[in-house]
Amino acid sequence: MSADMQAAVLYDAGGPEPLRIESVPVPQPGPGEVLVAVAAFGLNNAEILQCRGAMPAPPGGIPGLECAGSVVAVGAGVTSLRPGDRVAVLARAGTYAQYVAVPAGACLRIPDELRLVAAAALPEAAATAWWNLVHRGRLRPGEQVLIHGAAGGVGSLAVQLARGLGATVIGTARGSAKTALCAELGCHHVIDYGAEDVFGALRRIAPGGVDVVLDNQGAATVADNIAALAPKGRLVVVGVASGTDAAVDLGALMAGTAEISSSSLGRLDDDTRTALCRQVETEILPKVATGSVHPVLDATSFTFDEIAAAQRRFAAPDRIGKVTVTMPGYISETDAHQRN
């Protein structure tokens, strides 16, 4: 293995070309870490915001929160993984590169049936959906859940998981292609927010309110989301696409015995993230292996040298699901042994 690798480094946050692909040293796995050869990685909103200068730059200057590939080296004390293991990774930074060093606990063993490019789209979306539906939203069988942005990367997985948990799922999306996808994924009801008022439609569908709202919009919809909750309902904010500053009517919140919570995977400590990865492994990946749950990938795929185009696609209004980038020349440790 070469001592250097190709990586997309953030140099000009907020500029017209914030990323620069260049040669940098391959990271070395420390104690408790593994080195993963990246086959593909998924794009996430935090990385786009970092490139725009709206969020702090990632540690080390290389963005990227998830990937899939193969373990090629292990650090001291690692016994759970070995070179050649196929894994998906929930990282804090660094996956926009040929190699990334991560805690062993951040790796998810992936089924042989799952293509690496599909696996690369899973860690952030699956962990976000599970954490917020199960831990923050406490969604139970028989409850009703409203999922905003149900055709997106997180939303499309949240729909499938909520349906599997026995909930009645109401999704929002824009346009015929996205609303049709939401119905295929398992939504009992789909509201086209480009054609009708979401909360007016919701009142007709669930006049008594919904038990959980999974919201990716933030400020603009806080009041309407609170009003849409059933007694003891839970609003879980997972994104702030419309902004962060919102006034909350505490009287309305208390009158409905409702609650608001929010979450950012990046703010969770390592132990919590490790435990969450184990839950994704046991609760979600077996369903992915059988086909009862699947990541939704955008129809347009990109290679590493097209990273700028991939980020533009991520921001396109007609994007569906996750945008993924493949790493040309990826060779796993297992492949290398087989070729020799």
Protein backbone atom coordinates (compact mmCIF):
# COMPACT_ATOMS: atom_id res chain seq x y z
CA MET A 1 0.00 0.00 0.00
CA SER A 2 1.29 3.43 -0.91
CA ALA A 3 2.17 5.90 1.84
CA ASP A 4 -0.03 8.52 0.16
CA MET A 5 -3.65 8.62 -0.95
CA GLN A 6 -6.05 10.85 -2.85
CA ALA A 7 -8.41 12.95 -0.73
CA ALA A 8 -10.82 15.83 -1.26
CA VAL A 9 -9.54 18.55 1.08
CA LEU A 10 -11.60 21.57 2.10
CA TYR A 11 -9.53 24.67 1.28
CA ASP A 12 -11.93 27.45 0.35
CA ALA A 13 -15.13 27.19 2.40
CA GLY A 14 -17.77 29.40 0.82
CA GLY A 15 -15.81 29.73 -2.41
CA PRO A 16 -16.82 28.52 -5.88
CA GLU A 17 -14.56 25.45 -5.65
CA PRO A 18 -14.19 24.66 -1.94
CA LEU A 19 -12.71 21.17 -2.38
CA ARG A 20 -9.35 20.27 -3.88
CA ILE A 21 -8.38 16.69 -4.68
CA GLU A 22 -4.75 16.15 -3.74
CA SER A 23 -2.27 13.61 -2.41
CA VAL A 24 -2.05 13.35 1.39
CA PRO A 25 -0.51 10.77 3.75
CA VAL A 26 -2.54 7.65 4.45
CA PRO A 27 -3.71 7.84 8.08
CA GLN A 28 -2.45 5.22 10.50
CA PRO A 29 -4.90 3.43 12.80
CA GLY A 30 -4.29 4.15 16.45
CA PRO A 31 -5.21 1.92 19.39
CA GLY A 32 -8.80 0.75 19.01
CA GLU A 33 -8.97 1.95 15.40
CA VAL A 34 -9.03 0.32 11.98
CA LEU A 35 -7.94 1.56 8.57
CA VAL A 36 -10.63 1.20 5.92
CA ALA A 37 -10.09 1.29 2.16
CA VAL A 38 -13.02 3.35 0.87
CA ALA A 39 -15.01 1.87 -2.00
CA ALA A 40 -17.81 4.46 -1.91
CA PHE A 41 -19.20 7.18 0.32
CA GLY A 42 -22.54 8.90 0.75
CA LEU A 43 -23.09 12.65 0.81
CA ASN A 44 -24.76 14.41 3.72
CA ASN A 45 -26.04 17.91 4.39
CA ALA A 46 -23.40 18.67 7.02
CA GLU A 47 -20.65 18.29 4.42
CA ILE A 48 -22.44 20.67 2.05
CA LEU A 49 -22.76 23.22 4.85
CA GLN A 50 -19.07 22.84 5.70
CA CYS A 51 -18.15 23.54 2.09
CA ARG A 52 -20.39 26.60 2.09
CA GLY A 53 -18.76 27.89 5.25
CA ALA A 54 -21.99 27.59 7.24
CA MET A 55 -20.48 24.97 9.58
CA PRO A 56 -16.97 24.60 10.99
CA ALA A 57 -14.50 22.73 8.80
CA PRO A 58 -14.08 19.04 9.59
CA PRO A 59 -11.15 17.85 11.72
CA GLY A 60 -8.19 17.29 9.43
CA GLY A 61 -9.81 19.22 6.60
CA ILE A 62 -11.29 16.16 4.85
CA PRO A 63 -15.10 16.02 4.95
CA GLY A 64 -17.20 12.88 4.94
CA LEU A 65 -19.41 11.18 7.53
CA GLU A 66 -19.93 7.72 6.07
CA CYS A 67 -18.49 5.19 3.67
CA ALA A 68 -18.23 1.50 2.86
CA GLY A 69 -15.21 -0.58 1.97
CA SER A 70 -12.83 -3.11 3.50
CA VAL A 71 -10.63 -3.16 6.57
CA VAL A 72 -6.96 -3.17 5.50
CA ALA A 73 -5.22 -2.73 8.88
CA VAL A 74 -6.09 -2.79 12.57
CA GLY A 75 -4.66 -0.88 15.49
CA ALA A 76 -3.58 -2.22 18.85
CA GLY A 77 -6.30 -3.89 20.86
CA VAL A 78 -8.74 -4.47 17.99
CA THR A 79 -10.07 -8.02 18.00
CA SER A 80 -13.55 -7.57 16.53
CA LEU A 81 -12.35 -6.89 12.97
CA ARG A 82 -9.56 -8.11 10.72
CA PRO A 83 -8.18 -7.20 7.27
CA GLY A 84 -10.59 -8.16 4.52
CA ASP A 85 -13.79 -7.57 6.50
CA ARG A 86 -16.42 -5.65 4.51
CA VAL A 87 -17.76 -2.75 6.56
CA ALA A 88 -19.83 0.37 6.44
CA VAL A 89 -18.57 3.24 8.58
CA LEU A 90 -20.26 5.96 10.64
CA ALA A 91 -17.43 8.51 10.80
CA ARG A 92 -16.98 11.97 12.26
CA ALA A 93 -14.93 13.14 9.25
CA GLY A 94 -12.51 11.97 6.60
CA THR A 95 -14.43 9.65 4.24
CA TYR A 96 -13.86 11.82 1.14
CA ALA A 97 -10.64 9.87 0.63
CA GLN A 98 -9.19 6.53 -0.45
CA TYR A 99 -8.57 5.52 3.16
CA VAL A 100 -9.99 6.54 6.53
CA ALA A 101 -8.97 5.59 10.08
CA VAL A 102 -11.93 5.19 12.43
CA PRO A 103 -12.78 3.58 15.79
CA ALA A 104 -13.53 -0.12 15.37
CA GLY A 105 -16.88 0.51 17.06
CA ALA A 106 -17.89 2.85 14.22
CA CYS A 107 -17.79 -0.01 11.71
CA LEU A 108 -20.82 -2.07 10.71
CA ARG A 109 -20.25 -5.52 9.26
CA ILE A 110 -22.25 -5.65 6.05
CA PRO A 111 -23.95 -8.68 4.51
CA ASP A 112 -22.34 -10.29 1.47
CA GLU A 113 -25.57 -9.64 -0.46
CA LEU A 114 -25.23 -5.87 -0.08
CA ARG A 115 -23.31 -3.91 -2.71
CA LEU A 116 -20.72 -1.57 -1.25
CA VAL A 117 -22.18 1.48 -2.99
CA ALA A 118 -25.55 0.77 -1.34
CA ALA A 119 -23.87 0.11 2.00
CA ALA A 120 -22.16 3.52 1.75
CA ALA A 121 -25.60 5.16 1.80
CA LEU A 122 -26.69 3.48 5.03
CA PRO A 123 -24.73 4.55 8.15
CA GLU A 124 -25.83 8.17 8.59
CA ALA A 125 -29.41 7.69 7.40
CA ALA A 126 -29.99 4.44 9.27
CA ALA A 127 -28.43 5.69 12.51
CA THR A 128 -30.31 9.00 12.31
CA ALA A 129 -33.65 7.36 11.58
CA TRP A 130 -33.29 4.70 14.27
CA TRP A 131 -31.96 7.05 16.95
CA ASN A 132 -34.72 9.59 16.42
CA LEU A 133 -37.67 7.25 15.88
CA VAL A 134 -36.81 4.79 18.64
CA HIS A 135 -34.74 6.68 21.21
CA ARG A 136 -35.99 10.26 20.90
CA GLY A 137 -39.45 9.68 19.43
CA ARG A 138 -40.14 6.45 21.36
CA LEU A 139 -42.38 5.34 18.51
CA ARG A 140 -44.63 2.43 19.45
CA PRO A 141 -46.85 0.02 17.47
CA GLY A 142 -50.22 1.53 16.62
CA GLU A 143 -49.02 5.14 16.83
CA GLN A 144 -49.13 7.66 13.98
CA VAL A 145 -45.96 9.33 12.76
CA LEU A 146 -45.51 12.25 10.35
CA ILE A 147 -42.21 12.12 8.45
CA HIS A 148 -41.26 15.31 6.62
CA GLY A 149 -39.05 14.84 3.56
CA ALA A 150 -40.01 11.19 3.27
CA ALA A 151 -38.26 10.73 -0.09
CA GLY A 152 -34.87 11.92 1.18
CA GLY A 153 -31.97 9.85 2.43
CA VAL A 154 -33.05 9.82 6.09
CA GLY A 155 -36.77 10.07 5.40
CA SER A 156 -36.91 7.13 3.01
CA LEU A 157 -35.31 4.85 5.60
CA ALA A 158 -37.42 6.31 8.41
CA VAL A 159 -40.59 5.43 6.49
CA GLN A 160 -39.53 1.80 6.15
CA LEU A 161 -38.41 1.51 9.77
CA ALA A 162 -41.54 3.19 11.14
CA ARG A 163 -43.72 0.86 9.09
CA GLY A 164 -41.74 -2.10 10.43
CA LEU A 165 -42.26 -0.84 13.98
CA GLY A 166 -46.01 -1.06 13.46
CA ALA A 167 -46.81 2.64 13.11
CA THR A 168 -49.18 4.36 10.72
CA VAL A 169 -46.87 6.40 8.51
CA ILE A 170 -47.73 9.76 6.96
CA GLY A 171 -45.05 11.17 4.67
CA THR A 172 -44.53 14.49 2.92
CA ALA A 173 -42.80 14.92 -0.44
CA ARG A 174 -43.04 17.11 -3.52
CA GLY A 175 -44.11 15.93 -6.97
CA SER A 176 -45.50 12.75 -8.45
CA ALA A 177 -42.20 10.82 -8.56
CA LYS A 178 -41.38 11.39 -4.91
CA THR A 179 -44.91 10.83 -3.62
CA ALA A 180 -45.13 7.56 -5.59
CA LEU A 181 -41.84 6.44 -4.05
CA CYS A 182 -43.13 7.21 -0.54
CA ALA A 183 -46.17 5.04 -1.14
CA GLU A 184 -43.96 2.22 -2.42
CA LEU A 185 -41.75 2.48 0.66
CA GLY A 186 -44.70 1.99 2.98
CA CYS A 187 -46.41 5.31 3.69
CA HIS A 188 -50.08 4.80 4.49
CA HIS A 189 -50.71 8.42 3.47
CA VAL A 190 -48.58 10.79 1.38
CA ILE A 191 -49.02 14.57 1.29
CA ASP A 192 -47.64 16.42 -1.74
CA TYR A 193 -46.48 19.70 -0.23
CA GLY A 194 -46.18 21.22 -3.70
CA ALA A 195 -49.89 20.67 -4.35
CA GLU A 196 -51.63 21.18 -1.00
CA ASP A 197 -51.18 22.59 2.47
CA VAL A 198 -49.43 19.92 4.53
CA PHE A 199 -51.07 20.66 7.84
CA GLY A 200 -54.54 21.13 6.37
CA ALA A 201 -54.21 17.72 4.73
CA LEU A 202 -52.85 16.27 7.96
CA ARG A 203 -55.88 17.44 9.93
CA ARG A 204 -58.11 15.52 7.55
CA ILE A 205 -55.96 12.37 7.81
CA ALA A 206 -55.35 12.51 11.56
CA PRO A 207 -57.89 14.86 13.15
CA GLY A 208 -56.75 13.87 16.63
CA GLY A 209 -53.13 14.63 15.84
CA VAL A 210 -50.09 12.42 15.38
CA ASP A 211 -47.96 10.87 18.09
CA VAL A 212 -44.55 11.63 16.56
CA VAL A 213 -43.31 14.20 14.06
CA LEU A 214 -39.89 13.69 12.47
CA ASP A 215 -39.01 17.14 11.15
CA ASN A 216 -36.16 18.14 8.84
CA GLN A 217 -37.24 21.75 8.33
CA GLY A 218 -36.66 23.48 11.65
CA ALA A 219 -37.81 27.02 12.36
CA ALA A 220 -40.52 27.49 9.72
CA THR A 221 -42.63 24.53 10.79
CA VAL A 222 -42.20 24.44 14.58
CA ALA A 223 -45.56 26.00 15.47
CA ASP A 224 -47.51 23.91 12.96
CA ASN A 225 -45.72 20.74 14.04
CA ILE A 226 -46.59 21.38 17.70
CA ALA A 227 -50.22 22.03 16.76
CA ALA A 228 -50.27 18.74 14.81
CA LEU A 229 -49.30 16.63 17.83
CA ALA A 230 -51.71 14.42 19.69
CA PRO A 231 -51.70 14.60 23.51
CA LYS A 232 -48.30 13.43 24.79
CA GLY A 233 -46.95 13.78 21.25
CA ARG A 234 -43.24 14.12 20.46
CA LEU A 235 -41.70 16.52 17.95
CA VAL A 236 -38.20 15.39 16.99
CA VAL A 237 -36.14 17.92 15.00
CA VAL A 238 -33.49 16.26 12.81
CA GLY A 239 -32.76 19.13 10.42
CA VAL A 240 -32.99 22.90 10.12
CA ALA A 241 -33.35 23.47 6.38
CA SER A 242 -35.59 26.51 6.95
CA GLY A 243 -33.49 28.05 9.72
CA THR A 244 -32.75 27.76 13.42
CA ASP A 245 -34.52 30.71 15.07
CA ALA A 246 -38.10 29.93 16.11
CA ALA A 247 -40.52 31.16 18.75
CA VAL A 248 -42.18 28.37 20.73
CA ASP A 249 -45.55 28.82 22.40
CA LEU A 250 -44.82 27.08 25.69
CA GLY A 251 -48.46 27.33 26.68
CA ALA A 252 -49.51 25.32 23.63
CA LEU A 253 -46.75 22.82 24.32
CA MET A 254 -47.85 22.37 27.92
CA ALA A 255 -51.55 22.27 27.08
CA GLY A 256 -50.93 19.33 24.79
CA THR A 257 -48.53 17.65 27.24
CA ALA A 258 -46.22 17.53 24.24
CA GLU A 259 -42.44 17.63 24.02
CA ILE A 260 -39.72 18.75 21.63
CA SER A 261 -36.33 17.13 21.23
CA SER A 262 -33.54 17.46 18.74
CA SER A 263 -30.55 15.42 17.78
CA SER A 264 -27.23 15.55 15.98
CA LEU A 265 -25.28 12.31 15.60
CA GLY A 266 -22.08 14.32 15.56
CA ARG A 267 -22.76 15.54 19.12
CA LEU A 268 -23.15 12.04 20.55
CA ASP A 269 -20.21 10.66 22.51
CA ASP A 270 -18.22 7.72 21.16
CA ASP A 271 -19.80 5.16 23.48
CA THR A 272 -23.32 6.16 22.43
CA ARG A 273 -22.35 6.10 18.75
CA THR A 274 -20.80 2.64 19.18
CA ALA A 275 -23.95 1.34 20.86
CA LEU A 276 -26.04 2.87 18.08
CA CYS A 277 -23.90 1.17 15.43
CA ARG A 278 -24.49 -2.18 17.14
CA GLN A 279 -28.25 -1.54 17.04
CA VAL A 280 -28.10 -0.70 13.34
CA GLU A 281 -26.17 -3.96 12.82
CA THR A 282 -28.71 -6.08 14.67
CA GLU A 283 -31.99 -4.28 13.93
CA ILE A 284 -31.56 -2.88 10.41
CA LEU A 285 -28.85 -4.68 8.44
CA PRO A 286 -30.60 -8.09 8.65
CA LYS A 287 -33.67 -6.44 7.10
CA VAL A 288 -31.48 -4.95 4.39
CA ALA A 289 -30.04 -8.42 3.68
CA THR A 290 -33.55 -9.85 3.19
CA GLY A 291 -34.74 -6.88 1.14
CA SER A 292 -37.46 -5.74 3.54
CA VAL A 293 -35.55 -2.48 4.03
CA HIS A 294 -33.36 -0.85 1.40
CA PRO A 295 -31.46 2.41 1.00
CA VAL A 296 -32.84 4.64 -1.72
CA LEU A 297 -30.15 5.85 -4.11
CA ASP A 298 -30.46 8.79 -6.45
CA ALA A 299 -30.46 7.78 -10.10
CA THR A 300 -27.32 9.81 -10.83
CA SER A 301 -24.05 8.28 -9.61
CA PHE A 302 -20.61 9.90 -9.47
CA THR A 303 -16.95 8.98 -9.28
CA PHE A 304 -14.45 10.63 -6.95
CA ASP A 305 -13.17 13.13 -9.50
CA GLU A 306 -16.78 14.33 -9.90
CA ILE A 307 -17.19 15.29 -6.24
CA ALA A 308 -18.15 18.90 -7.09
CA ALA A 309 -20.90 17.68 -9.43
CA ALA A 310 -22.06 15.22 -6.76
CA GLN A 311 -22.47 18.04 -4.25
CA ARG A 312 -24.43 20.09 -6.79
CA ARG A 313 -26.68 17.09 -7.37
CA PHE A 314 -27.24 16.74 -3.63
CA ALA A 315 -28.74 20.25 -3.58
CA ALA A 316 -30.96 19.68 -6.65
CA PRO A 317 -34.72 19.83 -5.93
CA ASP A 318 -35.44 16.66 -7.90
CA ARG A 319 -32.91 14.53 -6.00
CA ILE A 320 -34.38 11.35 -4.55
CA GLY A 321 -32.65 9.46 -1.73
CA LYS A 322 -28.90 9.41 -1.23
CA VAL A 323 -26.18 10.66 -3.56
CA THR A 324 -23.16 8.33 -3.60
CA VAL A 325 -19.62 8.64 -4.90
CA THR A 326 -17.47 5.65 -5.88
CA MET A 327 -13.72 5.47 -5.53
CA PRO A 328 -12.03 4.27 -8.76
CA GLY A 329 -9.23 1.78 -8.25
CA TYR A 330 -10.61 0.47 -4.97
CA ILE A 331 -9.03 -2.87 -4.17
CA SER A 332 -9.91 -4.62 -0.93
CA GLU A 333 -7.38 -6.69 1.00
CA THR A 334 -9.36 -9.79 0.02
CA ASP A 335 -9.29 -8.82 -3.65
CA ALA A 336 -5.55 -8.26 -3.44
CA HIS A 337 -4.97 -11.74 -2.03
CA GLN A 338 -7.18 -13.28 -4.72
CA ARG A 339 -5.31 -11.50 -7.50
CA ASN A 340 -1.87 -12.64 -6.28
